[in-house]
N, C-alpha and C. Protein backbone atom coordinates (compact mmCIF):
# COMPACT_ATOMS: atom_id res chain seq x y z
N MET A 1 -34.48 6.68 -9.38
CA MET A 1 -33.35 6.91 -8.38
C MET A 1 -32.58 5.77 -7.85
N THR A 2 -31.21 5.73 -7.96
CA THR A 2 -30.94 4.50 -7.49
C THR A 2 -30.35 4.74 -5.84
N SER A 3 -30.66 3.56 -4.86
CA SER A 3 -30.21 3.45 -3.75
C SER A 3 -28.99 3.18 -3.60
N THR A 4 -28.24 3.66 -2.34
CA THR A 4 -26.95 2.97 -1.79
C THR A 4 -27.12 2.14 -0.83
N VAL A 5 -26.54 0.80 -0.72
CA VAL A 5 -26.91 -0.14 -0.05
C VAL A 5 -25.57 0.08 1.27
N ILE A 6 -25.73 0.77 2.33
CA ILE A 6 -24.38 0.91 3.26
C ILE A 6 -24.63 -0.30 4.34
N PRO A 7 -23.23 -1.13 4.35
CA PRO A 7 -23.31 -2.44 5.04
C PRO A 7 -23.70 -2.12 6.12
N SER A 8 -24.20 -2.97 6.94
CA SER A 8 -24.23 -2.98 8.73
C SER A 8 -23.05 -3.30 9.41
N PRO A 9 -22.99 -2.69 11.01
CA PRO A 9 -22.03 -2.84 11.72
C PRO A 9 -21.67 -4.23 11.66
N ALA A 10 -22.90 -4.98 11.78
CA ALA A 10 -23.08 -7.06 12.06
C ALA A 10 -21.91 -7.16 10.94
N ALA A 11 -22.47 -7.14 9.34
CA ALA A 11 -21.36 -7.22 8.45
C ALA A 11 -19.85 -6.86 8.24
N ASP A 12 -19.69 -5.84 8.64
CA ASP A 12 -18.53 -5.37 9.05
C ASP A 12 -17.77 -6.28 9.90
N ARG A 13 -18.10 -6.49 11.07
CA ARG A 13 -17.52 -7.26 12.10
C ARG A 13 -17.16 -8.85 11.40
N THR A 14 -18.20 -9.20 10.57
CA THR A 14 -18.02 -10.32 10.19
C THR A 14 -16.98 -10.84 9.44
N LYS A 15 -16.72 -9.77 8.36
CA LYS A 15 -15.73 -9.23 7.49
C LYS A 15 -14.58 -8.86 8.38
N THR A 16 -14.30 -8.95 9.55
CA THR A 16 -13.25 -8.51 10.10
C THR A 16 -12.74 -9.98 10.62
N ARG A 17 -14.09 -10.82 11.23
CA ARG A 17 -13.56 -11.74 11.49
C ARG A 17 -13.47 -12.77 10.85
N VAL A 18 -13.63 -13.00 9.29
CA VAL A 18 -13.28 -13.46 8.25
C VAL A 18 -11.81 -13.41 7.83
N LEU A 19 -11.35 -11.93 7.73
CA LEU A 19 -9.54 -11.74 7.69
C LEU A 19 -8.89 -12.24 8.66
N THR A 20 -9.49 -12.28 9.88
CA THR A 20 -8.67 -12.97 11.45
C THR A 20 -8.76 -14.68 10.77
N LEU A 21 -9.53 -15.09 10.68
CA LEU A 21 -9.38 -16.29 10.48
C LEU A 21 -8.62 -16.79 9.08
N LEU A 22 -8.57 -15.82 7.95
CA LEU A 22 -7.86 -16.50 6.77
C LEU A 22 -6.16 -15.82 7.66
N LYS A 23 -6.00 -14.97 8.32
CA LYS A 23 -4.94 -14.89 8.98
C LYS A 23 -4.07 -15.72 9.80
N SER A 24 -5.11 -16.66 10.59
CA SER A 24 -4.49 -18.06 10.73
C SER A 24 -3.84 -18.73 10.44
N ARG A 25 -5.02 -18.96 8.71
CA ARG A 25 -4.46 -20.03 8.11
C ARG A 25 -5.50 -20.99 8.52
N ARG A 26 -6.19 -20.72 9.31
CA ARG A 26 -7.11 -22.46 9.72
C ARG A 26 -8.31 -22.76 9.07
N CYS A 27 -8.95 -21.40 8.15
CA CYS A 27 -9.78 -21.50 7.32
C CYS A 27 -9.68 -20.89 6.14
N THR A 28 -9.75 -21.72 4.83
CA THR A 28 -9.10 -21.32 3.74
C THR A 28 -10.15 -21.34 2.48
N THR A 29 -11.38 -22.15 2.57
CA THR A 29 -12.55 -22.26 2.17
C THR A 29 -13.72 -21.62 2.08
N ALA A 30 -14.89 -21.44 1.60
CA ALA A 30 -16.22 -21.10 2.13
C ALA A 30 -16.55 -21.77 3.11
N GLN A 31 -16.50 -23.09 2.77
CA GLN A 31 -16.98 -24.07 3.75
C GLN A 31 -16.69 -23.85 4.93
N SER A 32 -15.24 -24.13 5.16
CA SER A 32 -14.38 -23.89 6.56
C SER A 32 -14.53 -22.66 7.30
N VAL A 33 -14.88 -21.77 6.27
CA VAL A 33 -15.36 -20.22 7.19
C VAL A 33 -16.76 -20.45 7.56
N ALA A 34 -17.34 -20.93 6.88
CA ALA A 34 -18.95 -20.74 7.43
C ALA A 34 -19.13 -21.80 8.55
N GLU A 35 -18.18 -22.95 8.57
CA GLU A 35 -18.47 -23.30 9.75
C GLU A 35 -17.54 -23.15 11.16
N ALA A 36 -16.56 -22.37 10.58
CA ALA A 36 -16.05 -21.53 11.77
C ALA A 36 -16.60 -20.74 12.34
N LEU A 37 -17.44 -19.64 11.67
CA LEU A 37 -18.22 -18.57 11.73
C LEU A 37 -19.92 -19.00 12.40
N ASP A 38 -19.99 -19.78 12.29
CA ASP A 38 -21.26 -20.76 12.23
C ASP A 38 -22.47 -19.88 11.40
N ILE A 39 -22.16 -19.69 10.23
CA ILE A 39 -22.84 -19.05 9.55
C ILE A 39 -22.97 -19.99 7.63
N SER A 40 -23.89 -19.45 7.09
CA SER A 40 -24.39 -20.76 6.12
C SER A 40 -23.30 -20.36 4.87
N VAL A 41 -23.17 -21.67 4.01
CA VAL A 41 -21.74 -21.02 2.90
C VAL A 41 -22.28 -19.97 2.52
N PRO A 42 -23.64 -19.78 1.56
CA PRO A 42 -23.83 -18.75 1.05
C PRO A 42 -23.37 -17.12 1.18
N ALA A 43 -23.81 -17.40 2.90
CA ALA A 43 -23.11 -16.00 3.29
C ALA A 43 -21.85 -15.95 3.07
N ALA A 44 -21.18 -17.08 3.76
CA ALA A 44 -19.87 -16.71 3.74
C ALA A 44 -18.88 -16.52 2.29
N ARG A 45 -19.67 -17.18 1.41
CA ARG A 45 -19.28 -16.97 -0.15
C ARG A 45 -19.36 -15.21 -0.49
N ARG A 46 -20.59 -14.75 0.37
CA ARG A 46 -20.87 -13.42 -0.18
C ARG A 46 -19.50 -12.45 0.53
N HIS A 47 -19.38 -12.87 1.83
CA HIS A 47 -18.13 -12.33 2.82
C HIS A 47 -17.07 -12.22 1.75
N LEU A 48 -16.77 -13.17 1.30
CA LEU A 48 -15.56 -13.64 0.75
C LEU A 48 -15.26 -13.00 -0.76
N CYS A 49 -16.79 -12.72 -1.11
CA CYS A 49 -16.84 -12.03 -2.74
C CYS A 49 -16.42 -10.54 -2.13
N ASP A 50 -17.11 -10.33 -1.41
CA ASP A 50 -16.95 -8.46 -1.11
C ASP A 50 -15.48 -8.39 -0.58
N LEU A 51 -15.10 -9.30 -0.20
CA LEU A 51 -13.33 -9.08 0.51
C LEU A 51 -12.72 -8.90 -0.77
N THR A 52 -12.72 -10.02 -1.42
CA THR A 52 -12.36 -10.18 -2.79
C THR A 52 -12.08 -9.00 -3.77
N GLU A 53 -13.09 -8.22 -3.74
CA GLU A 53 -13.40 -7.23 -4.77
C GLU A 53 -13.04 -6.18 -3.93
N ALA A 54 -12.92 -5.78 -2.76
CA ALA A 54 -12.01 -5.12 -2.16
C ALA A 54 -10.47 -4.82 -2.26
N GLY A 55 -10.32 -5.88 -2.55
CA GLY A 55 -8.48 -6.39 -3.09
C GLY A 55 -7.89 -6.71 -1.44
N LEU A 56 -8.93 -7.26 -0.09
CA LEU A 56 -7.85 -7.90 0.84
C LEU A 56 -7.73 -9.18 0.71
N ILE A 57 -8.50 -10.01 -0.04
CA ILE A 57 -7.89 -11.51 -0.15
C ILE A 57 -8.04 -11.83 -1.40
N VAL A 58 -6.89 -12.68 -2.31
CA VAL A 58 -7.40 -13.58 -3.40
C VAL A 58 -7.70 -14.90 -3.25
N ALA A 59 -8.65 -15.21 -4.44
CA ALA A 59 -9.03 -16.33 -4.87
C ALA A 59 -8.06 -17.47 -5.31
N GLU A 60 -7.66 -18.97 -4.93
CA GLU A 60 -6.73 -19.52 -5.78
C GLU A 60 -7.71 -20.70 -6.16
N THR A 61 -7.73 -21.20 -7.57
CA THR A 61 -8.36 -22.86 -7.70
C THR A 61 -7.76 -23.45 -7.36
N GLN A 62 -8.04 -24.74 -6.41
CA GLN A 62 -7.36 -25.82 -6.12
C GLN A 62 -8.11 -26.99 -6.20
N ARG A 63 -7.69 -28.33 -6.28
CA ARG A 63 -8.43 -29.60 -6.03
C ARG A 63 -7.89 -30.25 -5.13
N PRO A 64 -9.18 -30.63 -4.15
CA PRO A 64 -8.38 -31.38 -2.48
C PRO A 64 -7.71 -32.55 -3.15
N GLY A 65 -6.54 -32.53 -2.71
CA GLY A 65 -5.59 -33.80 -2.78
C GLY A 65 -5.35 -33.85 -4.16
N GLY A 66 -5.54 -32.90 -5.00
CA GLY A 66 -4.98 -33.22 -6.21
C GLY A 66 -5.95 -33.91 -6.98
N ARG A 67 -7.40 -34.27 -6.36
CA ARG A 67 -8.41 -34.86 -6.99
C ARG A 67 -9.86 -33.98 -6.90
N GLY A 68 -10.98 -34.69 -7.46
CA GLY A 68 -12.09 -34.01 -7.07
C GLY A 68 -11.97 -32.78 -7.95
N ARG A 69 -13.49 -32.45 -7.53
CA ARG A 69 -13.83 -31.10 -7.84
C ARG A 69 -12.72 -29.97 -7.50
N PRO A 70 -12.58 -28.82 -8.34
CA PRO A 70 -12.17 -27.46 -7.95
C PRO A 70 -12.32 -27.08 -6.98
N GLN A 71 -11.97 -26.13 -6.00
CA GLN A 71 -12.72 -25.46 -4.92
C GLN A 71 -11.65 -23.89 -5.27
N PHE A 72 -13.09 -23.08 -4.44
CA PHE A 72 -11.75 -22.12 -4.11
C PHE A 72 -10.97 -21.93 -2.76
N VAL A 73 -10.00 -21.53 -2.98
CA VAL A 73 -9.09 -21.29 -1.44
C VAL A 73 -8.66 -20.08 -1.35
N TYR A 74 -8.85 -19.66 -0.73
CA TYR A 74 -8.72 -17.91 -0.36
C TYR A 74 -7.29 -17.71 0.71
N ARG A 75 -6.57 -16.61 0.47
CA ARG A 75 -5.56 -15.62 1.28
C ARG A 75 -5.70 -14.58 1.41
N LEU A 76 -4.96 -14.09 2.66
CA LEU A 76 -4.87 -12.59 2.39
C LEU A 76 -4.22 -12.09 1.31
N SER A 77 -4.06 -10.85 0.68
CA SER A 77 -3.86 -9.87 -0.46
C SER A 77 -2.46 -8.99 0.53
N GLU A 78 -1.51 -8.36 -0.02
CA GLU A 78 -0.77 -7.77 0.82
C GLU A 78 -1.80 -6.85 1.54
N ARG A 79 -2.63 -6.21 0.76
CA ARG A 79 -3.40 -5.19 0.86
C ARG A 79 -4.02 -5.55 2.58
N GLY A 80 -4.57 -6.84 2.40
CA GLY A 80 -5.25 -7.91 3.56
C GLY A 80 -4.56 -7.74 4.63
N GLU A 81 -3.01 -8.36 4.34
CA GLU A 81 -2.07 -8.25 5.29
C GLU A 81 -1.66 -7.06 6.53
N ALA A 82 -2.23 -6.03 5.65
CA ALA A 82 -1.72 -4.53 6.17
C ALA A 82 -2.63 -4.09 7.04
N GLN A 83 -3.99 -4.88 7.18
CA GLN A 83 -4.90 -4.44 8.05
C GLN A 83 -4.52 -4.58 9.47
N PHE A 84 -3.49 -5.65 9.81
CA PHE A 84 -2.97 -6.58 10.90
C PHE A 84 -1.82 -5.70 11.44
N PRO A 85 -1.64 -5.26 12.43
CA PRO A 85 -0.79 -4.26 12.96
C PRO A 85 0.75 -4.78 13.09
N LYS A 86 1.53 -3.97 12.31
CA LYS A 86 2.99 -4.62 12.62
C LYS A 86 4.36 -3.82 13.13
N SER A 87 5.36 -4.11 13.30
CA SER A 87 6.11 -3.30 14.46
C SER A 87 7.19 -2.85 13.51
N TYR A 88 6.81 -2.78 12.30
CA TYR A 88 8.12 -2.72 11.12
C TYR A 88 8.47 -1.16 11.08
N ALA A 89 7.72 -0.42 11.25
CA ALA A 89 7.84 1.33 11.41
C ALA A 89 9.02 1.46 12.84
N SER A 90 8.59 0.58 14.49
CA SER A 90 9.49 1.13 15.36
C SER A 90 11.19 0.77 14.74
N LEU A 91 10.56 -0.86 14.21
CA LEU A 91 11.80 -1.66 13.72
C LEU A 91 12.82 -0.47 13.01
N CYS A 92 12.41 0.42 11.90
CA CYS A 92 13.00 0.75 11.10
C CYS A 92 13.59 1.83 11.84
N VAL A 93 13.25 2.70 12.35
CA VAL A 93 13.25 3.66 13.21
C VAL A 93 14.71 3.45 14.14
N ASP A 94 14.82 2.12 14.90
CA ASP A 94 15.81 1.85 15.85
C ASP A 94 16.73 1.66 14.66
N VAL A 95 17.03 0.63 13.92
CA VAL A 95 17.62 0.74 12.91
C VAL A 95 18.32 1.78 12.46
N LEU A 96 17.79 2.67 12.08
CA LEU A 96 18.48 4.30 11.33
C LEU A 96 18.87 4.84 13.02
N ARG A 97 18.38 4.89 13.84
CA ARG A 97 19.11 5.32 15.18
C ARG A 97 20.45 4.71 15.19
N HIS A 98 20.45 3.68 15.56
CA HIS A 98 21.66 3.02 15.49
C HIS A 98 22.90 3.32 14.46
N ILE A 99 22.08 3.28 13.35
CA ILE A 99 23.40 3.87 12.00
C ILE A 99 24.08 5.30 12.27
N ASP A 100 22.63 6.11 12.98
CA ASP A 100 23.33 7.10 13.31
C ASP A 100 24.28 7.31 14.77
N SER A 101 24.31 6.52 15.25
CA SER A 101 24.95 6.28 16.36
C SER A 101 26.14 6.00 16.15
N LEU A 102 26.20 4.92 15.15
CA LEU A 102 27.24 3.80 14.93
C LEU A 102 28.12 5.17 13.81
N PHE A 103 27.50 5.15 12.80
CA PHE A 103 28.69 5.71 11.74
C PHE A 103 28.41 7.18 11.57
N GLY A 104 27.61 8.11 12.70
CA GLY A 104 27.64 9.22 12.56
C GLY A 104 27.00 10.25 12.02
N GLU A 105 26.83 11.49 11.74
CA GLU A 105 26.50 12.13 11.07
C GLU A 105 26.55 12.05 9.62
N GLY A 106 25.24 12.04 9.06
CA GLY A 106 25.31 11.79 7.44
C GLY A 106 25.02 10.29 6.94
N ALA A 107 25.49 9.31 8.03
CA ALA A 107 25.15 7.77 7.66
C ALA A 107 23.85 7.42 7.14
N VAL A 108 22.96 8.37 7.86
CA VAL A 108 21.16 7.82 7.65
C VAL A 108 21.12 8.63 6.11
N MET A 109 21.56 9.68 5.72
CA MET A 109 21.40 10.27 4.14
C MET A 109 21.57 9.39 3.38
N ARG A 110 23.06 8.85 4.05
CA ARG A 110 23.63 7.66 2.93
C ARG A 110 23.17 6.41 2.69
N VAL A 111 22.17 6.29 3.82
CA VAL A 111 21.22 4.86 3.63
C VAL A 111 20.40 5.25 2.44
N MET A 112 19.80 6.55 2.81
CA MET A 112 18.67 6.71 2.06
C MET A 112 18.67 7.40 0.78
N ASP A 113 19.77 7.76 0.42
CA ASP A 113 20.75 8.00 -1.09
C ASP A 113 20.70 6.71 -2.36
N ALA A 114 21.45 5.49 -0.84
CA ALA A 114 21.27 4.34 -1.51
C ALA A 114 19.85 3.45 -2.00
N ARG A 115 18.82 3.92 -0.70
CA ARG A 115 17.46 3.48 -1.45
C ARG A 115 16.97 4.19 -2.69
N ARG A 116 17.24 5.68 -2.80
CA ARG A 116 16.71 6.15 -3.70
C ARG A 116 17.25 5.77 -5.37
N ALA A 117 18.71 5.59 -5.13
CA ALA A 117 19.28 5.06 -6.09
C ALA A 117 18.68 3.69 -6.86
N ALA A 118 18.34 2.58 -6.10
CA ALA A 118 18.28 1.34 -6.44
C ALA A 118 16.50 1.24 -7.03
N LEU A 119 15.57 2.22 -6.48
CA LEU A 119 14.80 2.56 -6.74
C LEU A 119 14.57 2.91 -8.27
N ALA A 120 15.23 4.40 -8.48
CA ALA A 120 15.58 4.96 -9.33
C ALA A 120 16.10 4.02 -11.10
N GLN A 121 16.99 2.88 -10.34
CA GLN A 121 17.35 2.02 -10.85
C GLN A 121 16.14 0.83 -11.95
N GLU A 122 15.30 0.79 -10.92
CA GLU A 122 14.33 -0.34 -11.02
C GLU A 122 13.08 0.37 -11.51
N TRP A 123 12.95 1.39 -11.35
CA TRP A 123 11.60 2.33 -12.08
C TRP A 123 11.98 2.91 -13.39
N ALA A 124 12.96 3.56 -13.64
CA ALA A 124 13.45 4.39 -14.75
C ALA A 124 12.79 3.68 -15.87
N PRO A 125 13.00 2.50 -16.05
CA PRO A 125 12.76 1.59 -17.54
C PRO A 125 11.49 1.87 -17.96
N ARG A 126 10.58 1.70 -17.00
CA ARG A 126 9.27 2.00 -16.89
C ARG A 126 8.52 2.88 -17.02
N LEU A 127 9.20 4.18 -16.96
CA LEU A 127 8.71 5.70 -16.79
C LEU A 127 8.99 6.55 -18.30
N THR A 128 8.25 6.24 -19.40
CA THR A 128 8.64 6.46 -20.73
C THR A 128 7.51 7.44 -21.01
N GLY A 129 7.89 8.36 -22.01
CA GLY A 129 6.80 9.30 -22.49
C GLY A 129 6.98 10.51 -22.06
N SER A 130 5.99 11.08 -22.00
CA SER A 130 5.91 12.88 -21.87
C SER A 130 6.08 12.99 -20.95
N PRO A 131 6.13 14.32 -19.86
CA PRO A 131 6.22 14.39 -18.44
C PRO A 131 5.15 14.32 -17.98
N ALA A 132 3.63 14.45 -18.26
CA ALA A 132 2.54 13.76 -18.13
C ALA A 132 2.19 12.04 -17.85
N GLU A 133 2.91 11.76 -19.02
CA GLU A 133 2.68 10.24 -18.93
C GLU A 133 3.94 9.79 -18.03
N ARG A 134 4.73 9.97 -17.65
CA ARG A 134 5.36 9.68 -16.66
C ARG A 134 5.21 10.10 -15.25
N LEU A 135 4.58 10.99 -15.31
CA LEU A 135 4.21 11.18 -13.57
C LEU A 135 2.67 10.17 -13.86
N THR A 136 1.86 10.10 -14.54
CA THR A 136 0.88 9.02 -14.33
C THR A 136 1.69 7.71 -13.50
N LYS A 137 2.73 7.26 -14.43
CA LYS A 137 3.45 6.30 -14.42
C LYS A 137 3.80 6.02 -12.95
N LEU A 138 4.23 7.05 -12.57
CA LEU A 138 5.07 7.32 -11.56
C LEU A 138 4.08 6.86 -10.11
N ALA A 139 2.86 7.69 -10.50
CA ALA A 139 1.61 7.62 -9.62
C ALA A 139 1.05 6.28 -9.23
N ALA A 140 1.05 5.28 -10.60
CA ALA A 140 0.68 4.14 -10.57
C ALA A 140 1.63 3.05 -9.52
N LEU A 141 2.95 3.32 -9.73
CA LEU A 141 3.94 2.66 -9.07
C LEU A 141 3.85 3.08 -7.46
N LEU A 142 3.38 4.03 -7.60
CA LEU A 142 3.59 5.08 -5.51
C LEU A 142 2.19 3.86 -5.20
N SER A 143 1.30 4.04 -5.87
CA SER A 143 0.05 3.57 -5.20
C SER A 143 0.41 2.12 -4.97
N GLU A 144 1.30 1.18 -6.08
CA GLU A 144 1.03 -0.03 -5.63
C GLU A 144 2.07 -0.05 -4.35
N ALA A 145 3.02 0.89 -4.04
CA ALA A 145 3.94 0.60 -3.03
C ALA A 145 2.91 1.33 -1.65
N GLY A 146 1.99 1.30 -1.65
CA GLY A 146 0.86 2.14 -0.44
C GLY A 146 0.67 3.17 -0.30
N TYR A 147 1.00 4.39 -1.27
CA TYR A 147 1.04 5.84 -1.26
C TYR A 147 -0.36 6.51 -1.79
N GLU A 148 -0.91 5.61 -2.24
CA GLU A 148 -2.26 5.85 -2.85
C GLU A 148 -2.34 7.46 -3.44
N ALA A 149 -1.37 7.00 -4.35
CA ALA A 149 -0.76 8.33 -5.18
C ALA A 149 -1.98 9.20 -6.52
N ARG A 150 -1.61 10.18 -6.80
CA ARG A 150 -2.79 10.33 -8.01
C ARG A 150 -1.85 11.31 -8.63
N ALA A 151 -1.58 11.34 -10.14
CA ALA A 151 -1.50 12.56 -10.74
C ALA A 151 -2.45 13.45 -11.60
N TYR A 152 -2.48 14.56 -11.64
CA TYR A 152 -3.59 15.45 -12.23
C TYR A 152 -3.28 16.66 -12.56
N GLU A 153 -3.72 17.46 -13.11
CA GLU A 153 -3.27 18.71 -14.00
C GLU A 153 -4.82 19.81 -13.22
N GLU A 154 -3.92 20.92 -12.95
CA GLU A 154 -4.60 22.08 -12.01
C GLU A 154 -4.37 23.20 -12.42
N ASP A 155 -5.28 24.35 -13.07
CA ASP A 155 -4.86 25.56 -13.63
C ASP A 155 -3.61 25.32 -14.77
N GLY A 156 -3.54 24.47 -15.47
CA GLY A 156 -2.53 24.32 -16.35
C GLY A 156 -1.17 23.67 -15.71
N ALA A 157 -1.43 23.33 -14.63
CA ALA A 157 -0.39 22.74 -14.08
C ALA A 157 -0.35 21.31 -13.25
N LEU A 158 0.75 20.53 -13.18
CA LEU A 158 0.96 19.25 -13.01
C LEU A 158 1.11 18.70 -11.67
N TYR A 159 0.19 18.10 -11.09
CA TYR A 159 0.97 17.51 -9.33
C TYR A 159 0.34 16.17 -9.22
N LEU A 160 1.61 15.94 -8.22
CA LEU A 160 1.41 14.39 -7.85
C LEU A 160 0.64 14.58 -6.24
N GLU A 161 -0.24 13.70 -6.05
CA GLU A 161 -0.44 13.81 -4.74
C GLU A 161 -0.63 12.72 -3.89
N GLN A 162 -0.02 12.16 -2.85
CA GLN A 162 -0.37 10.96 -2.05
C GLN A 162 -1.10 11.21 -0.83
N GLY A 163 -2.22 10.35 -0.63
CA GLY A 163 -3.23 10.44 -0.13
C GLY A 163 -2.64 9.70 1.56
N ASN A 164 -1.63 8.67 1.24
CA ASN A 164 -1.12 8.01 2.48
C ASN A 164 0.47 7.74 2.27
N CYS A 165 0.90 7.79 3.90
CA CYS A 165 2.27 7.59 3.48
C CYS A 165 2.62 6.45 4.44
N PRO A 166 3.00 5.53 3.88
CA PRO A 166 3.43 4.11 4.64
C PRO A 166 4.60 4.04 5.24
N ASN A 167 5.09 5.23 5.36
CA ASN A 167 6.63 4.99 6.21
C ASN A 167 6.30 6.18 7.39
N LEU A 168 5.02 6.54 7.55
CA LEU A 168 4.81 7.96 8.80
C LEU A 168 5.65 8.22 9.83
N ASP A 169 5.77 6.76 10.35
CA ASP A 169 6.48 7.13 11.65
C ASP A 169 8.05 7.39 11.37
N VAL A 170 9.01 6.76 10.35
CA VAL A 170 10.13 7.45 10.28
C VAL A 170 10.52 8.52 9.62
N ALA A 171 9.22 9.04 8.80
CA ALA A 171 9.44 10.15 8.22
C ALA A 171 9.35 11.16 8.98
N ARG A 172 8.69 11.20 10.19
CA ARG A 172 8.25 12.09 11.04
C ARG A 172 9.78 12.28 11.85
N ARG A 173 10.22 11.01 12.01
CA ARG A 173 12.00 10.86 12.84
C ARG A 173 13.11 11.73 11.89
N TYR A 174 12.88 11.10 10.90
CA TYR A 174 13.72 11.62 9.50
C TYR A 174 13.45 11.90 8.59
N ASP A 175 13.77 13.48 8.42
CA ASP A 175 13.31 13.90 7.27
C ASP A 175 13.99 13.66 5.97
N GLU A 176 15.70 13.14 6.07
CA GLU A 176 16.10 12.46 5.16
C GLU A 176 15.17 11.61 4.26
N LEU A 177 13.86 11.13 4.77
CA LEU A 177 13.24 9.96 4.08
C LEU A 177 12.52 10.93 2.94
N CYS A 178 11.83 11.77 3.15
CA CYS A 178 11.01 12.52 2.49
C CYS A 178 12.33 13.54 1.55
N GLY A 179 13.18 14.03 1.93
CA GLY A 179 14.17 14.20 0.98
C GLY A 179 14.82 13.52 -0.03
N ALA A 180 14.67 12.03 0.12
CA ALA A 180 15.12 11.10 -0.64
C ALA A 180 14.26 11.16 -2.04
N GLU A 181 12.93 10.91 -0.99
CA GLU A 181 11.81 10.85 -1.88
C GLU A 181 11.88 11.84 -3.33
N LEU A 182 11.63 13.04 -2.87
CA LEU A 182 11.60 14.56 -3.54
C LEU A 182 12.79 14.19 -4.52
N GLU A 183 13.87 13.75 -4.10
CA GLU A 183 15.30 13.85 -5.25
C GLU A 183 14.50 12.67 -5.98
N LEU A 184 14.01 11.38 -5.58
CA LEU A 184 13.50 10.83 -6.48
C LEU A 184 12.72 11.14 -7.69
N TYR A 185 11.80 11.62 -7.02
CA TYR A 185 10.79 12.00 -8.11
C TYR A 185 11.26 12.99 -9.12
N ARG A 186 12.59 13.64 -8.57
CA ARG A 186 13.11 15.03 -9.65
C ARG A 186 13.70 14.17 -10.72
N SER A 187 14.23 12.92 -10.30
CA SER A 187 15.34 12.08 -11.31
C SER A 187 14.25 11.45 -12.20
N LEU A 188 13.57 10.78 -11.63
CA LEU A 188 12.68 10.00 -12.73
C LEU A 188 11.72 10.76 -13.64
N LEU A 189 11.12 11.97 -13.09
CA LEU A 189 10.53 12.68 -14.19
C LEU A 189 11.59 13.72 -14.87
N GLY A 190 12.49 13.76 -14.55
CA GLY A 190 13.45 14.47 -15.74
C GLY A 190 13.02 16.42 -15.52
N VAL A 191 12.29 16.63 -14.44
CA VAL A 191 11.85 18.02 -14.41
C VAL A 191 11.77 18.47 -12.99
N PRO A 192 11.64 19.97 -12.80
CA PRO A 192 11.58 20.42 -11.13
C PRO A 192 10.61 19.79 -10.69
N VAL A 193 10.72 19.32 -9.58
CA VAL A 193 9.20 19.14 -8.69
C VAL A 193 9.38 19.58 -7.50
N ARG A 194 8.64 20.52 -6.84
CA ARG A 194 8.48 20.95 -5.46
C ARG A 194 7.69 20.47 -4.85
N ARG A 195 7.88 20.08 -3.54
CA ARG A 195 6.89 19.68 -2.69
C ARG A 195 6.02 20.71 -1.66
N GLU A 196 4.69 21.10 -2.13
CA GLU A 196 3.86 21.87 -1.47
C GLU A 196 3.32 21.61 0.22
N THR A 197 3.16 20.29 0.19
CA THR A 197 2.20 19.87 1.55
C THR A 197 3.25 18.34 1.99
N ARG A 198 3.12 18.28 3.24
CA ARG A 198 3.67 17.14 3.56
C ARG A 198 2.94 16.49 4.70
N ILE A 199 2.25 15.12 4.76
CA ILE A 199 1.86 14.35 5.84
C ILE A 199 2.59 14.40 6.97
N ALA A 200 3.67 14.18 7.04
CA ALA A 200 4.34 14.14 8.07
C ALA A 200 4.52 15.46 9.25
N CYS A 201 4.11 16.38 8.23
CA CYS A 201 3.90 17.88 9.15
C CYS A 201 2.38 18.13 9.73
N GLY A 202 1.82 17.12 8.99
CA GLY A 202 0.31 17.58 10.03
C GLY A 202 -0.56 17.79 8.68
N ALA A 203 -0.14 17.66 7.00
CA ALA A 203 -1.03 17.89 6.45
C ALA A 203 -2.07 16.34 5.76
N PRO A 204 -2.98 16.86 5.18
CA PRO A 204 -4.03 15.56 4.85
C PRO A 204 -3.16 15.00 3.78
N THR A 205 -2.34 15.45 2.82
CA THR A 205 -1.35 14.56 1.87
C THR A 205 -0.16 15.53 1.41
N CYS A 206 0.54 14.48 0.87
CA CYS A 206 2.29 15.30 0.43
C CYS A 206 1.40 15.48 -1.09
N ARG A 207 1.42 16.96 -1.51
CA ARG A 207 1.49 17.39 -2.57
C ARG A 207 2.43 17.63 -3.68
N TYR A 208 2.90 17.39 -4.52
CA TYR A 208 3.93 18.14 -5.51
C TYR A 208 3.35 19.00 -6.89
N ARG A 209 4.23 19.89 -7.07
CA ARG A 209 3.99 20.57 -8.10
C ARG A 209 5.60 20.32 -9.39
N VAL A 210 4.61 19.60 -10.57
CA VAL A 210 5.61 19.19 -11.22
C VAL A 210 5.75 19.75 -12.38
N GLY A 211 7.24 20.39 -12.48
CA GLY A 211 7.71 21.00 -13.82
C GLY A 211 7.61 22.76 -13.69
């Protein structure tokens, strides 16, 4: 019987401290992390390895000063950066509110339509094959964008499900964002798409029936 090792709270706290150090860019190697946290170098390497496997940091090989033995230098990945609070959502809401105020009713929808058209132009060449194949590729693109998306079949029907809304604050304030995304999926997949649930309305996922 295989047992599962559950990380201790202390280990999780240490990993959080490692991420904070890398965020500050004061520590970039296992040696510098070990010195800053007063832990052994092997322990620092274990935490760095775990964080790399989790996709929170990335490792690059460098030679100190261009000479000497190569060493791993670590930095936060995009996913790691996302662990730290940002004010992007409030900024977006403020910008859209000003667009509404300055340019009148319908201006926000025109902005969303322009964004949808740009994404459609960028993604369309990558979505080839049958509807099911296009849906799988679309789910992968959405996951790269932070939506935690998956494509699956249930009772003979195709579904797209998103476990995260990276623009939730904006979506709650502006329905136009969700409407533009729905039109984007219809355009890219070339088949009817119907939204069944929506995170912005309190559901655990955004779920779309495709076809």
